[in-house]
Protein backbone atom coordinates (compact mmCIF):
# COMPACT_ATOMS: atom_id res chain seq x y z
CA UNK A 1 0.00 0.00 0.00
CA UNK A 2 1.38 3.39 -1.06
CA UNK A 3 2.23 5.91 1.64
CA UNK A 4 -0.04 8.90 1.18
CA UNK A 5 2.38 11.60 2.27
CA UNK A 6 5.02 10.66 -0.31
CA UNK A 7 4.92 13.09 -3.24
CA UNK A 8 5.37 11.81 -6.76
CA UNK A 9 7.93 13.83 -8.72
CA UNK A 10 8.73 14.27 -12.40
CA UNK A 11 12.16 15.70 -13.18
CA UNK A 12 12.49 17.94 -16.25
CA UNK A 13 15.89 18.90 -17.70
CA UNK A 14 16.03 21.62 -20.35
CA UNK A 15 19.16 22.58 -22.24
CA UNK A 16 21.20 22.32 -25.41
CA UNK A 17 22.39 18.69 -24.97
CA UNK A 18 24.98 19.49 -27.60
CA UNK A 19 25.73 16.61 -27.36
CA UNK A 20 24.17 14.74 -24.47
CA UNK A 21 26.86 13.35 -22.14
CA UNK A 22 27.04 10.75 -19.40
CA UNK A 23 26.99 13.61 -16.88
CA UNK A 24 23.60 14.74 -18.14
CA UNK A 25 22.25 11.27 -17.43
CA UNK A 26 24.10 11.08 -14.12
CA UNK A 27 22.25 14.20 -12.95
CA UNK A 28 18.93 12.34 -13.13
CA UNK A 29 20.25 9.47 -11.02
CA UNK A 30 21.73 11.84 -8.42
CA UNK A 31 18.51 13.82 -8.17
CA UNK A 32 16.37 10.70 -7.79
CA UNK A 33 18.61 9.25 -5.08
CA UNK A 34 18.62 12.54 -3.17
CA UNK A 35 14.86 13.13 -3.29
CA UNK A 36 13.87 9.57 -2.46
CA UNK A 37 16.40 9.43 0.38
CA UNK A 38 14.43 12.18 2.13
CA UNK A 39 11.44 9.83 2.42
CA UNK A 40 9.19 12.62 1.13
CA UNK A 41 9.36 11.98 -2.62
CA UNK A 42 9.17 9.21 -5.18
CA UNK A 43 10.55 10.07 -8.61
CA UNK A 44 8.34 8.49 -11.25
CA UNK A 45 9.74 9.98 -14.45
CA UNK A 46 12.57 11.98 -15.98
CA UNK A 47 12.17 14.13 -19.09
CA UNK A 48 14.88 15.55 -21.35
CA UNK A 49 13.79 18.54 -23.44
CA UNK A 50 16.45 19.74 -25.92
CA UNK A 51 16.23 23.40 -26.87
CA UNK A 52 15.20 24.38 -30.40
CA UNK A 53 17.42 25.84 -33.10
CA UNK A 54 15.93 29.26 -32.40
CA UNK A 55 18.05 29.58 -29.25
CA UNK A 56 20.91 30.70 -31.54
CA UNK A 57 23.72 29.46 -29.31
CA UNK A 58 27.17 29.35 -30.83
CA UNK A 59 28.03 25.87 -32.11
CA UNK A 60 24.47 24.55 -31.65
CA UNK A 61 23.89 21.80 -34.21
CA UNK A 62 20.47 20.98 -35.64
CA UNK A 63 17.82 20.01 -33.11
CA UNK A 64 16.88 16.76 -34.83
CA UNK A 65 20.40 15.44 -34.30
CA UNK A 66 20.43 16.46 -30.62
CA UNK A 67 17.02 14.88 -30.03
CA UNK A 68 18.02 11.63 -31.70
CA UNK A 69 21.26 11.43 -29.69
CA UNK A 70 19.28 11.99 -26.49
CA UNK A 71 16.90 9.19 -27.47
CA UNK A 72 19.78 6.84 -28.14
CA UNK A 73 21.31 7.75 -24.77
CA UNK A 74 18.10 6.99 -22.87
CA UNK A 75 17.03 3.96 -24.87
CA UNK A 76 17.95 1.57 -22.05
CA UNK A 77 16.40 3.68 -19.28
CA UNK A 78 13.11 2.58 -17.79
CA UNK A 79 12.22 6.02 -16.42
CA UNK A 80 13.94 8.76 -18.49
CA UNK A 81 12.48 9.76 -21.83
CA UNK A 82 13.03 12.48 -24.42
CA UNK A 83 10.38 15.04 -25.38
CA UNK A 84 10.81 16.78 -28.74
CA UNK A 85 8.15 19.48 -28.43
CA UNK A 86 10.52 22.30 -27.46
CA UNK A 87 13.02 21.35 -30.15
CA UNK A 88 10.34 21.48 -32.86
CA UNK A 89 9.27 25.07 -32.16
CA UNK A 90 10.37 27.54 -34.86
CA UNK A 91 11.30 30.16 -32.26
CA UNK A 92 13.07 29.86 -28.94
CA UNK A 93 10.70 29.03 -26.09
CA UNK A 94 11.37 30.41 -22.62
CA UNK A 95 12.12 27.73 -20.04
CA UNK A 96 9.19 28.79 -17.86
CA UNK A 97 6.81 28.10 -20.75
CA UNK A 98 8.38 24.69 -21.32
CA UNK A 99 7.97 23.83 -17.64
CA UNK A 100 4.40 25.11 -17.74
CA UNK A 101 3.57 22.98 -20.74
CA UNK A 102 4.96 19.78 -19.23
CA UNK A 103 3.02 20.45 -16.07
CA UNK A 104 -0.03 20.81 -18.29
CA UNK A 105 0.68 17.36 -19.68
CA UNK A 106 0.66 15.95 -16.16
CA UNK A 107 -2.62 17.65 -15.32
CA UNK A 108 -4.24 16.50 -18.56
CA UNK A 109 -3.03 12.94 -18.06
CA UNK A 110 -4.42 12.84 -14.53
CA UNK A 111 -7.80 14.23 -15.55
CA UNK A 112 -8.07 11.88 -18.51
CA UNK A 113 -6.63 8.74 -16.94
CA UNK A 114 -10.00 7.03 -17.05
CA UNK A 115 -11.12 8.42 -20.42
CA UNK A 116 -10.72 6.60 -23.71
CA UNK A 117 -12.58 9.10 -25.90
CA UNK A 118 -9.71 10.76 -27.83
CA UNK A 119 -11.96 13.59 -29.01
CA UNK A 120 -12.76 14.58 -25.44
CA UNK A 121 -9.09 14.21 -24.47
CA UNK A 122 -7.86 16.48 -27.28
CA UNK A 123 -10.48 19.12 -26.52
CA UNK A 124 -9.71 19.07 -22.79
CA UNK A 125 -5.96 19.19 -23.54
CA UNK A 126 -6.45 22.39 -25.56
CA UNK A 127 -8.40 23.93 -22.69
CA UNK A 128 -5.70 22.96 -20.21
CA UNK A 129 -2.86 24.29 -22.35
CA UNK A 130 -4.56 27.67 -22.72
CA UNK A 131 -5.03 27.92 -18.95
CA UNK A 132 -1.28 27.67 -18.29
CA UNK A 133 -0.51 30.94 -20.00
CA UNK A 134 -1.75 32.92 -17.03
CA UNK A 135 0.76 33.73 -14.31
CA UNK A 136 -1.85 33.15 -11.61
CA UNK A 137 -2.03 29.40 -12.28
CA UNK A 138 -1.62 27.34 -9.10
CA UNK A 139 0.06 23.95 -8.86
CA UNK A 140 -2.38 21.14 -8.09
CA UNK A 141 -1.74 18.57 -5.43
CA UNK A 142 -3.48 15.68 -7.21
CA UNK A 143 -0.80 15.40 -9.90
CA UNK A 144 2.94 14.64 -9.63
CA UNK A 145 5.15 17.58 -8.70
CA UNK A 146 7.26 18.81 -11.59
CA UNK A 147 10.78 19.99 -10.73
CA UNK A 148 13.35 21.58 -13.01
CA UNK A 149 16.62 19.61 -12.93
CA UNK A 150 19.74 21.63 -13.66
CA UNK A 151 23.40 22.20 -12.91
CA UNK A 152 24.68 24.92 -10.61
CA UNK A 153 25.69 27.01 -13.63
CA UNK A 154 22.02 27.41 -14.57
CA UNK A 155 21.24 28.66 -11.08
CA UNK A 156 24.09 31.15 -11.42
CA UNK A 157 22.79 32.33 -14.80
CA UNK A 158 19.68 33.64 -13.04
CA UNK A 159 21.85 36.57 -11.98
CA UNK A 160 22.81 37.57 -15.54
CA UNK A 161 20.78 40.65 -16.52
CA UNK A 162 18.38 40.22 -19.46
CA UNK A 163 18.97 36.46 -19.69
CA UNK A 164 15.99 35.52 -17.50
CA UNK A 165 12.76 37.31 -16.64
CA UNK A 166 12.36 37.76 -12.90
CA UNK A 167 8.78 36.50 -13.08
CA UNK A 168 10.05 33.31 -14.79
CA UNK A 169 12.59 32.72 -12.02
CA UNK A 170 9.83 33.18 -9.45
CA UNK A 171 7.56 30.76 -11.28
CA UNK A 172 10.20 28.07 -11.77
CA UNK A 173 11.71 28.22 -8.27
CA UNK A 174 8.63 29.16 -6.28
CA UNK A 175 5.79 27.40 -8.02
CA UNK A 176 7.41 24.21 -9.27
CA UNK A 177 10.74 23.78 -7.51
CA UNK A 178 14.25 22.88 -8.61
CA UNK A 179 16.90 20.24 -8.11
CA UNK A 180 20.37 21.70 -8.60
CA UNK A 181 23.46 19.49 -9.00
CA UNK A 182 26.72 21.04 -7.83
CA UNK A 183 29.72 21.43 -10.11
CA UNK A 184 33.35 22.21 -9.33
CA UNK A 185 33.87 25.96 -9.06
CA UNK A 186 30.20 26.74 -8.39
CA UNK A 187 28.60 27.49 -5.02
CA UNK A 188 24.81 27.20 -5.37
CA UNK A 189 24.23 28.17 -1.73
CA UNK A 190 26.08 31.44 -2.39
CA UNK A 191 23.89 32.19 -5.42
CA UNK A 192 20.78 31.53 -3.38
CA UNK A 193 21.98 33.74 -0.53
CA UNK A 194 22.78 36.62 -2.91
CA UNK A 195 19.42 36.52 -4.71
CA UNK A 196 16.35 37.80 -2.89
CA UNK A 197 14.12 35.79 -5.23
CA UNK A 198 15.98 32.52 -4.75
CA UNK A 199 16.30 33.11 -1.01
CA UNK A 200 12.54 33.57 -0.73
CA UNK A 201 11.98 30.17 -2.37
CA UNK A 202 15.07 28.41 -0.99
CA UNK A 203 13.01 25.63 0.61
CA UNK A 204 11.91 24.53 -2.86
CA UNK A 205 15.45 24.49 -4.27
CA UNK A 206 17.15 21.17 -3.55
CA UNK A 207 20.94 21.39 -3.83
CA UNK A 208 22.55 17.99 -4.48
CA UNK A 209 26.26 17.55 -4.01
CA UNK A 210 28.07 15.23 -6.39
CA UNK A 211 30.71 13.56 -4.26
CA UNK A 212 32.14 11.60 -7.17
CA UNK A 213 33.10 14.70 -9.15
CA UNK A 214 32.74 14.44 -12.90
CA UNK A 215 33.57 17.50 -14.97
CA UNK A 216 32.39 16.23 -18.34
CA UNK A 217 31.55 19.29 -20.40
CA UNK A 218 29.77 19.28 -23.77
CA UNK A 219 32.06 22.17 -24.75
CA UNK A 220 35.15 20.07 -24.06
CA UNK A 221 33.60 17.10 -25.86
CA UNK A 222 32.99 19.20 -28.98
CA UNK A 223 36.57 20.47 -28.85
CA UNK A 224 37.89 16.91 -28.67
CA UNK A 225 35.71 15.88 -31.61
CA UNK A 226 36.94 18.81 -33.71
CA UNK A 227 40.49 17.71 -33.04
CA UNK A 228 39.84 14.08 -33.92
CA UNK A 229 40.31 12.90 -30.33
CA UNK A 230 38.44 10.06 -28.65
CA UNK A 231 35.32 10.79 -26.59
CA UNK A 232 34.56 7.20 -25.64
CA UNK A 233 33.32 6.78 -22.04
CA UNK A 234 32.40 10.48 -21.94
CA UNK A 235 29.26 9.86 -23.99
CA UNK A 236 26.98 6.83 -24.25
CA UNK A 237 28.40 4.51 -26.92
CA UNK A 238 25.36 4.82 -29.26
CA UNK A 239 25.84 8.60 -29.21
CA UNK A 240 29.52 8.25 -30.11
CA UNK A 241 28.58 6.04 -33.06
CA UNK A 242 25.83 8.45 -34.19
CA UNK A 243 28.29 11.36 -34.19
CA UNK A 244 30.74 9.37 -36.31
CA UNK A 245 28.07 8.22 -38.76
CA UNK A 246 26.76 11.75 -39.33
CA UNK A 247 30.15 13.51 -39.14
CA UNK A 248 28.95 15.95 -36.48
CA UNK A 249 30.92 18.63 -34.62
CA UNK A 250 33.48 20.11 -36.95
CA UNK A 251 35.33 23.43 -36.91
CA UNK A 252 32.65 24.75 -39.25
CA UNK A 253 29.74 23.67 -37.06
CA UNK A 254 31.33 25.32 -34.01
CA UNK A 255 31.11 28.68 -35.82
CA UNK A 256 27.38 28.36 -36.35
CA UNK A 257 25.57 31.36 -34.80
CA UNK A 258 28.96 32.90 -33.96
CA UNK A 259 27.78 36.36 -35.03
CA UNK A 260 24.20 35.97 -33.85
CA UNK A 261 22.78 37.38 -30.64
CA UNK A 262 21.58 34.76 -28.16
CA UNK A 263 17.79 34.56 -28.29
CA UNK A 264 17.13 35.66 -24.67
CA UNK A 265 19.27 38.76 -25.20
CA UNK A 266 17.47 39.54 -28.46
CA UNK A 267 14.22 39.55 -26.51
CA UNK A 268 15.47 42.26 -24.15
CA UNK A 269 16.13 44.82 -26.86
CA UNK A 270 14.40 46.45 -29.78
CA UNK A 271 15.76 45.81 -33.25
CA UNK A 272 17.37 49.22 -33.55
CA UNK A 273 19.46 48.76 -30.42
CA UNK A 274 20.46 45.10 -30.36
CA UNK A 275 24.14 45.83 -30.83
CA UNK A 276 24.14 48.36 -28.03
CA UNK A 277 22.38 45.92 -25.73
CA UNK A 278 25.19 43.41 -26.22
CA UNK A 279 27.70 45.74 -24.67
CA UNK A 280 29.10 45.24 -21.22
CA UNK A 281 29.04 48.48 -19.27
CA UNK A 282 32.06 49.54 -17.26
CA UNK A 283 32.30 53.24 -16.47
CA UNK A 284 35.62 54.35 -15.08
CA UNK A 285 35.69 57.97 -13.99
CA UNK A 286 39.24 59.10 -13.40
CA UNK A 287 39.94 62.35 -11.63
CA UNK A 288 43.31 63.26 -13.15
CA UNK A 289 45.59 65.33 -10.93
CA UNK A 290 48.69 67.05 -12.20
CA UNK A 291 47.58 66.57 -15.81
CA UNK A 292 46.41 69.55 -17.79
CA UNK A 293 45.94 67.85 -21.12
CA UNK A 294 45.05 64.31 -22.03
CA UNK A 295 46.09 62.87 -25.43
CA UNK A 296 43.23 64.14 -27.57
CA UNK A 297 43.17 61.01 -29.74
CA UNK A 298 41.84 58.92 -26.84
CA UNK A 299 38.48 60.69 -27.00
CA UNK A 300 35.70 59.29 -29.13
CA UNK A 301 33.66 56.17 -29.70
CA UNK A 302 35.55 52.94 -30.29
CA UNK A 303 34.24 49.58 -31.57
CA UNK A 304 35.98 46.34 -30.62
CA UNK A 305 37.67 44.55 -33.52
CA UNK A 306 39.82 42.05 -31.62
CA UNK A 307 39.60 40.26 -28.27
CA UNK A 308 42.41 37.74 -27.71
CA UNK A 309 42.53 35.42 -24.66
CA UNK A 310 39.56 37.00 -22.91
CA UNK A 311 38.52 33.53 -21.73
CA UNK A 312 41.96 32.90 -20.22
CA UNK A 313 41.82 36.23 -18.39
CA UNK A 314 38.38 35.42 -16.96
CA UNK A 315 39.56 31.97 -15.87
CA UNK A 316 42.40 33.64 -13.98
CA UNK A 317 39.81 35.84 -12.24
CA UNK A 318 37.86 32.73 -11.21
CA UNK A 319 34.77 33.59 -13.26
CA UNK A 320 32.52 30.58 -13.82
CA UNK A 321 32.15 28.86 -17.16
CA UNK A 322 28.51 29.94 -17.45
CA UNK A 323 29.36 33.64 -17.10
CA UNK A 324 32.38 33.32 -19.38
CA UNK A 325 30.21 31.91 -22.16
CA UNK A 326 27.91 34.91 -21.95
CA UNK A 327 30.79 37.41 -21.75
CA UNK A 328 32.47 35.93 -24.83
CA UNK A 329 29.31 36.66 -26.84
CA UNK A 330 29.41 40.35 -26.03
CA UNK A 331 30.95 42.87 -28.40
CA UNK A 332 32.22 45.84 -26.50
CA UNK A 333 32.14 49.49 -27.38
CA UNK A 334 34.15 52.19 -25.63
CA UNK A 335 33.18 55.83 -25.34
CA UNK A 336 35.93 58.07 -23.94
CA UNK A 337 35.29 61.65 -22.93
CA UNK A 338 37.24 64.37 -21.12
CA UNK A 339 35.56 67.06 -19.05
CA UNK A 340 38.31 69.27 -17.75
CA UNK A 341 40.32 67.07 -15.40
CA UNK A 342 37.66 64.38 -15.40
CA UNK A 343 38.34 61.42 -17.68
CA UNK A 344 35.36 59.16 -18.38
CA UNK A 345 35.84 55.77 -19.99
CA UNK A 346 32.69 53.83 -20.83
CA UNK A 347 32.97 50.19 -21.86
CA UNK A 348 29.43 49.57 -22.96
CA UNK A 349 27.35 46.39 -23.05
CA UNK A 350 23.80 45.77 -21.93
CA UNK A 351 24.29 43.38 -19.08
CA UNK A 352 25.31 45.82 -16.35
CA UNK A 353 26.63 49.28 -15.52
CA UNK A 354 29.69 49.55 -13.32
CA UNK A 355 30.50 53.01 -11.91
CA UNK A 356 33.93 53.91 -10.59
CA UNK A 357 35.59 57.27 -9.85
CA UNK A 358 39.02 58.13 -8.45
CA UNK A 359 41.95 60.50 -8.65
CA UNK A 360 45.00 59.44 -10.59
CA UNK A 361 47.93 58.62 -8.35
CA UNK A 362 45.79 58.12 -5.25
CA UNK A 363 45.01 54.60 -4.04
CA UNK A 364 41.33 53.83 -3.49
CA UNK A 365 39.11 50.85 -2.69
CA UNK A 366 37.41 49.26 -5.67
CA UNK A 367 34.59 46.72 -5.54
CA UNK A 368 34.27 44.84 -8.83
CA UNK A 369 30.55 44.22 -8.44
CA UNK A 370 29.07 42.17 -11.26
CA UNK A 371 32.52 41.12 -12.50
CA UNK A 372 34.35 38.89 -10.02
CA UNK A 373 32.89 40.66 -6.93
CA UNK A 374 36.16 41.37 -5.13
CA UNK A 375 37.41 44.30 -3.09
CA UNK A 376 40.66 45.73 -4.39
CA UNK A 377 43.15 48.46 -3.62
CA UNK A 378 43.46 50.22 -6.97
CA UNK A 379 45.61 53.03 -8.35
CA UNK A 380 45.64 54.51 -11.86
CA UNK A 381 48.54 56.60 -13.18
CA UNK A 382 49.76 58.05 -16.43
CA UNK A 383 53.05 56.63 -17.71
CA UNK A 384 53.83 58.67 -20.80
CA UNK A 385 50.85 58.22 -23.11
CA UNK A 386 49.73 55.03 -21.40
CA UNK A 387 47.03 54.88 -18.73
CA UNK A 388 48.18 52.19 -16.27
CA UNK A 389 46.01 50.59 -13.58
CA UNK A 390 47.24 48.36 -10.75
CA UNK A 391 44.64 46.35 -8.81
CA UNK A 392 45.89 44.86 -5.53
CA UNK A 393 43.87 42.07 -3.94
CA UNK A 394 43.38 38.32 -3.83
CA UNK A 395 44.57 37.86 -7.42
CA UNK A 396 48.23 38.57 -8.05
CA UNK A 397 49.64 40.80 -10.81
CA UNK A 398 46.26 42.21 -11.76
CA UNK A 399 45.57 45.39 -13.69
CA UNK A 400 45.19 46.94 -17.13
CA UNK A 401 46.88 49.34 -19.58
CA UNK A 402 45.23 51.67 -22.13
CA UNK A 403 47.05 53.39 -24.99
CA UNK A 404 46.64 54.62 -28.54
CA UNK A 405 48.57 53.71 -31.68
CA UNK A 406 47.76 55.34 -35.02
CA UNK A 407 43.97 55.05 -35.37
CA UNK A 408 43.45 52.20 -32.89
CA UNK A 409 42.82 52.03 -29.15
CA UNK A 410 44.57 49.21 -27.29
CA UNK A 411 43.74 47.63 -23.94
CA UNK A 412 45.65 44.90 -22.14
CA UNK A 413 43.98 43.22 -19.17
CA UNK A 414 46.27 41.04 -17.08
CA UNK A 415 45.92 38.74 -14.08
CA UNK A 416 48.22 36.03 -12.71
CA UNK A 417 50.12 35.54 -15.95
CA UNK A 418 47.10 35.67 -18.26
CA UNK A 419 46.95 38.63 -20.66
CA UNK A 420 43.89 39.61 -22.69
CA UNK A 421 44.62 41.89 -25.62
CA UNK A 422 41.77 44.00 -26.98
CA UNK A 423 41.84 46.35 -29.95
CA UNK A 424 39.24 48.99 -30.81
CA UNK A 425 38.73 51.01 -34.00
CA UNK A 426 37.36 54.52 -33.92
CA UNK A 427 33.75 54.91 -35.00
CA UNK A 428 33.82 58.05 -37.14
């Protein structure tokens, strides 16, 4: 006889699955063990929902391939299945809508469990689906509880401006619930503590620690495939064979969508200002003492034309893989102005605005909020025609240098041996 106070749970994982790896499957097993070990839940199903081509992520191969690989990977599972609905949509579908739809499936299945009339079922299904569009919909207790299964990097991405709607985060975390699997370098509890929304719904966010650490990354798998290296035992064997048969993941496929704005960021801007919304905003206001004239050629608007080793620089700062992926998509623009002794440097993107002001030659405390969130002792000085910044803190040998050569603006960002070299061309 079934215990009445045990809640049935369906786990839903959304993502690229580009390609699906053993770690993706491992997440389901970890989540089921954790929930059932509490004695409060019984996991009855797992669902994998690959994102559609409309997501526009760099290197994202066609959805039909990703769906088929996921099906091959789960073919021997008696409780995990693949759902292709999201992948078949012509446009990107927000995760909250995907969760809402799958919950609608559960409701419809429960209401129609005793019905055999397919006409009535289809009609009732349409009614149910339309009812989920309203934000006031309440979760029912007579159907299994649906929880979003994800890695810690997804939880961290909730803090990236314009990537998620706040109401969607509230709906996913507060109405349905989440199971979050930890990864090396991520601290889910820290993300929850820093977010008022996640903190409010923390009791519905289950953080599962993976003691047997496994850092399989689809990004690393694709890199190995491009280089002709083996990926056996990183992916299910049928998936490895499928990739070989269809010659997937080449240098060319990795460049797909390289110059396209990620769908969630497109949503946050109007068509006339998409490029501006991609920019990352860093405003450095420098009060220059002992300097009567700044090199006039620094002033103006500058568009980035080169960004070498930005990923290496961010790794040195300890920035997570999730945030690095977003940052690498952003094309920066600099606007430099001089107002008397006040030098204003704006590095513009849409994701955040960082304000900083100081006097050249005088040490001050800097808090890199929204970047790597550290407190630094910083000093900026002029050395000839170069603007040199030294940032003293947890990371060694950190700082940056700005200078001009001919018609180009140069910036070198350095930290613990990693140097990022950026070049900007003046926008006339």
